Amino acid sequence: MDRQATDAASGVGVTVGAQVRRLREFRGLSVAELARLSGVSRATLSLIESGRGNPTIETVSAVAVALRLPLGDLLVDPTPQSPVLRRGTGAPEVSKQELLDRVGAGGLSEIWRLRIAQAGRRIDSPPHSRGTMERILVLGGVLRLGPVERPVVLGSGDFVFFAADVPHFYEAAEDDVDAVIVMTYPAAS
């Protein structure tokens, strides 16, 4: 592995470690309790939290499930880069999902901006952790979305919410769809 790739992997390891420790402590769990819930050894968790581990995606996923959080919460530093988000900045894309903010110390709710430029473009989403809910407000365009078994069609100003612990999708029914998604994860018990 070249130095640049090693540095990038090291940075991800440090981020994952800091997130695991922060969210474990927020949930009031000891390393031993998280090890029991996740099936990951205490030694491995200690290495991960110290930023010296090189966990596989399976290991990180097991920890995320044990913490009842989406995998992404452990892979990204939650510190916002800018408190102001300006509309229309950045290059045009076919589709874009952008995390705007997290609400709650454990990332219990996330606010996302979804933009799909081309009609017919579909984004499939696997089930999230049990009890996860999604709330969607369409700001512009027409969006077909929801659980694969019970999709709905929403226009500008329409709103829907559904349990997102089943396979679901978002599909632009016309060009230039713009929507806000609020994802709410269940609190750890």
Protein backbone atom coordinates (compact mmCIF):
# COMPACT_ATOMS: atom_id res chain seq x y z
CA MET A 1 0.00 0.00 0.00
CA ASP A 2 1.43 3.42 -0.89
CA ARG A 3 1.93 6.15 1.70
CA GLN A 4 -1.15 8.14 0.60
CA ALA A 5 -3.41 5.07 0.94
CA THR A 6 -1.82 4.22 4.31
CA ASP A 7 -2.43 7.77 5.57
CA ALA A 8 -6.06 7.65 4.38
CA ALA A 9 -6.66 4.27 6.03
CA SER A 10 -5.06 5.55 9.24
CA GLY A 11 -7.33 8.61 9.21
CA VAL A 12 -10.42 6.43 8.81
CA GLY A 13 -9.21 4.19 11.65
CA VAL A 14 -8.81 7.19 13.95
CA THR A 15 -12.29 8.48 13.00
CA VAL A 16 -13.88 5.06 13.53
CA GLY A 17 -12.12 4.69 16.87
CA ALA A 18 -13.20 8.11 18.12
CA GLN A 19 -16.78 7.50 16.99
CA VAL A 20 -16.99 4.05 18.60
CA ARG A 21 -15.70 5.42 21.91
CA ARG A 22 -17.93 8.51 21.84
CA LEU A 23 -21.08 6.59 20.95
CA ARG A 24 -20.34 3.70 23.34
CA GLU A 25 -19.90 6.18 26.20
CA PHE A 26 -23.02 8.10 25.15
CA ARG A 27 -24.97 4.82 25.33
CA GLY A 28 -23.52 4.19 28.80
CA LEU A 29 -21.83 0.95 27.76
CA SER A 30 -18.51 -0.45 28.95
CA VAL A 31 -16.09 -1.99 26.47
CA ALA A 32 -17.04 -5.42 27.89
CA GLU A 33 -20.77 -4.75 27.36
CA LEU A 34 -20.20 -3.59 23.78
CA ALA A 35 -18.03 -6.67 23.16
CA ARG A 36 -20.85 -8.92 24.40
CA LEU A 37 -23.49 -7.14 22.29
CA SER A 38 -21.40 -7.00 19.12
CA GLY A 39 -19.52 -10.29 19.27
CA VAL A 40 -16.26 -8.34 18.82
CA SER A 41 -13.55 -9.07 21.40
CA ARG A 42 -12.68 -6.51 24.08
CA ALA A 43 -9.08 -6.44 22.83
CA THR A 44 -10.22 -5.63 19.28
CA LEU A 45 -12.59 -2.92 20.54
CA SER A 46 -9.79 -1.38 22.62
CA LEU A 47 -7.51 -1.32 19.57
CA ILE A 48 -10.28 0.25 17.46
CA GLU A 49 -11.06 2.91 20.07
CA SER A 50 -7.38 3.81 20.40
CA GLY A 51 -7.21 4.38 16.63
CA ARG A 52 -4.58 1.63 16.26
CA GLY A 53 -6.92 -1.04 14.91
CA ASN A 54 -7.64 -1.81 11.27
CA PRO A 55 -11.17 -3.20 11.56
CA THR A 56 -12.93 -4.93 8.69
CA ILE A 57 -16.25 -3.57 7.46
CA GLU A 58 -17.89 -6.64 9.07
CA THR A 59 -16.42 -5.69 12.45
CA VAL A 60 -17.50 -2.06 12.16
CA SER A 61 -20.96 -3.20 11.02
CA ALA A 62 -21.29 -5.53 14.05
CA VAL A 63 -20.41 -2.63 16.35
CA ALA A 64 -22.90 -0.32 14.58
CA VAL A 65 -25.68 -2.91 14.96
CA ALA A 66 -24.84 -3.36 18.66
CA LEU A 67 -25.01 0.42 19.14
CA ARG A 68 -28.25 0.50 17.09
CA LEU A 69 -26.80 3.07 14.70
CA PRO A 70 -26.31 3.22 10.95
CA LEU A 71 -22.87 2.10 9.80
CA GLY A 72 -22.17 5.59 8.44
CA ASP A 73 -22.22 7.05 11.95
CA LEU A 74 -19.01 5.18 12.72
CA LEU A 75 -17.25 6.06 9.47
CA VAL A 76 -17.66 9.84 9.39
CA ASP A 77 -16.62 12.62 11.74
CA PRO A 78 -19.92 14.28 12.77
CA THR A 79 -18.35 17.70 13.27
CA PRO A 80 -20.04 20.05 10.79
CA GLN A 81 -17.64 21.85 8.47
CA SER A 82 -19.88 24.91 8.08
CA PRO A 83 -23.03 25.99 9.90
CA VAL A 84 -24.46 27.56 6.72
CA LEU A 85 -25.52 25.43 3.77
CA ARG A 86 -26.13 27.40 0.58
CA ARG A 87 -28.51 26.20 -2.12
CA GLY A 88 -27.09 25.71 -5.59
CA THR A 89 -23.44 25.32 -4.59
CA GLY A 90 -21.31 22.58 -6.09
CA ALA A 91 -21.28 20.87 -9.47
CA PRO A 92 -24.55 19.52 -10.91
CA GLU A 93 -24.94 15.78 -10.40
CA VAL A 94 -27.31 13.08 -11.58
CA SER A 95 -28.29 12.45 -7.96
CA LYS A 96 -26.97 13.60 -4.62
CA GLN A 97 -27.65 12.66 -1.03
CA GLU A 98 -26.18 15.15 1.41
CA LEU A 99 -26.20 14.90 5.21
CA LEU A 100 -27.19 18.35 6.50
CA ASP A 101 -27.19 17.75 10.27
CA ARG A 102 -27.48 15.20 13.07
CA VAL A 103 -29.79 15.85 16.00
CA GLY A 104 -29.07 14.18 19.33
CA ALA A 105 -25.71 13.28 20.81
CA GLY A 106 -25.83 9.75 19.40
CA GLY A 107 -26.98 10.76 15.96
CA LEU A 108 -30.56 9.72 16.74
CA SER A 109 -31.95 11.83 13.90
CA GLU A 110 -30.33 12.87 10.64
CA ILE A 111 -31.52 15.51 8.18
CA TRP A 112 -30.64 14.73 4.55
CA ARG A 113 -31.08 16.64 1.31
CA LEU A 114 -31.92 14.47 -1.71
CA ARG A 115 -31.56 15.81 -5.24
CA ILE A 116 -32.18 13.76 -8.37
CA ALA A 117 -31.57 15.55 -11.68
CA GLN A 118 -32.94 13.01 -14.18
CA ALA A 119 -36.38 11.43 -14.42
CA GLY A 120 -36.20 7.66 -14.05
CA ARG A 121 -33.11 7.72 -11.83
CA ARG A 122 -33.70 5.33 -8.90
CA ILE A 123 -31.85 4.97 -5.61
CA ASP A 124 -32.43 1.70 -3.77
CA SER A 125 -31.88 1.55 -0.02
CA PRO A 126 -31.43 -1.60 2.05
CA PRO A 127 -33.32 -1.90 5.35
CA HIS A 128 -31.99 0.29 8.14
CA SER A 129 -31.85 -0.92 11.75
CA ARG A 130 -35.15 -2.05 13.28
CA GLY A 131 -37.40 0.84 14.29
CA THR A 132 -35.84 3.41 11.93
CA MET A 133 -38.36 5.88 10.47
CA GLU A 134 -38.00 8.16 7.45
CA ARG A 135 -39.94 11.38 6.93
CA ILE A 136 -39.81 12.94 3.48
CA LEU A 137 -40.91 16.41 2.33
CA VAL A 138 -40.71 17.01 -1.42
CA LEU A 139 -39.57 20.56 -2.16
CA GLY A 140 -39.72 20.31 -5.96
CA GLY A 141 -40.51 17.82 -8.70
CA VAL A 142 -42.33 14.50 -8.43
CA LEU A 143 -40.82 11.65 -6.42
CA ARG A 144 -41.92 8.00 -6.31
CA LEU A 145 -40.67 6.45 -3.07
CA GLY A 146 -41.24 4.31 -0.05
CA PRO A 147 -41.16 0.66 0.88
CA VAL A 148 -40.77 -1.52 -2.23
CA GLU A 149 -44.10 -3.20 -1.41
CA ARG A 150 -46.05 0.06 -0.85
CA PRO A 151 -44.60 2.98 -2.85
CA VAL A 152 -46.26 6.39 -3.06
CA VAL A 153 -45.93 9.32 -5.46
CA LEU A 154 -45.35 12.78 -3.97
CA GLY A 155 -45.33 16.20 -5.59
CA SER A 156 -43.93 19.50 -4.40
CA GLY A 157 -45.13 20.22 -0.85
CA ASP A 158 -46.22 16.61 -0.18
CA PHE A 159 -45.01 14.72 2.90
CA VAL A 160 -44.89 11.05 3.92
CA PHE A 161 -43.33 8.94 6.67
CA PHE A 162 -42.70 5.22 6.80
CA ALA A 163 -40.79 2.50 8.64
CA ALA A 164 -37.41 2.28 6.91
CA ASP A 165 -36.40 -1.09 8.35
CA VAL A 166 -37.52 -2.71 5.08
CA PRO A 167 -36.10 -2.34 1.55
CA HIS A 168 -37.15 1.04 0.12
CA PHE A 169 -36.30 3.37 -2.75
CA TYR A 170 -36.49 6.88 -4.22
CA GLU A 171 -37.18 7.41 -7.93
CA ALA A 172 -37.52 10.67 -9.82
CA ALA A 173 -40.79 10.71 -11.76
CA GLU A 174 -39.61 13.89 -13.50
CA ASP A 175 -36.41 15.92 -13.77
CA ASP A 176 -35.05 18.04 -10.91
CA VAL A 177 -36.47 16.38 -7.80
CA ASP A 178 -35.52 18.08 -4.53
CA ALA A 179 -36.51 16.65 -1.13
CA VAL A 180 -35.61 16.68 2.55
CA ILE A 181 -35.41 13.38 4.43
CA VAL A 182 -35.38 13.13 8.22
CA MET A 183 -34.18 9.73 9.43
CA THR A 184 -34.93 8.84 13.04
CA TYR A 185 -33.15 5.89 14.63
CA PRO A 186 -34.43 4.13 17.74
CA ALA A 187 -32.71 4.92 21.01
CA ALA A 188 -30.52 2.16 22.38
CA SER A 189 -32.11 0.31 25.24
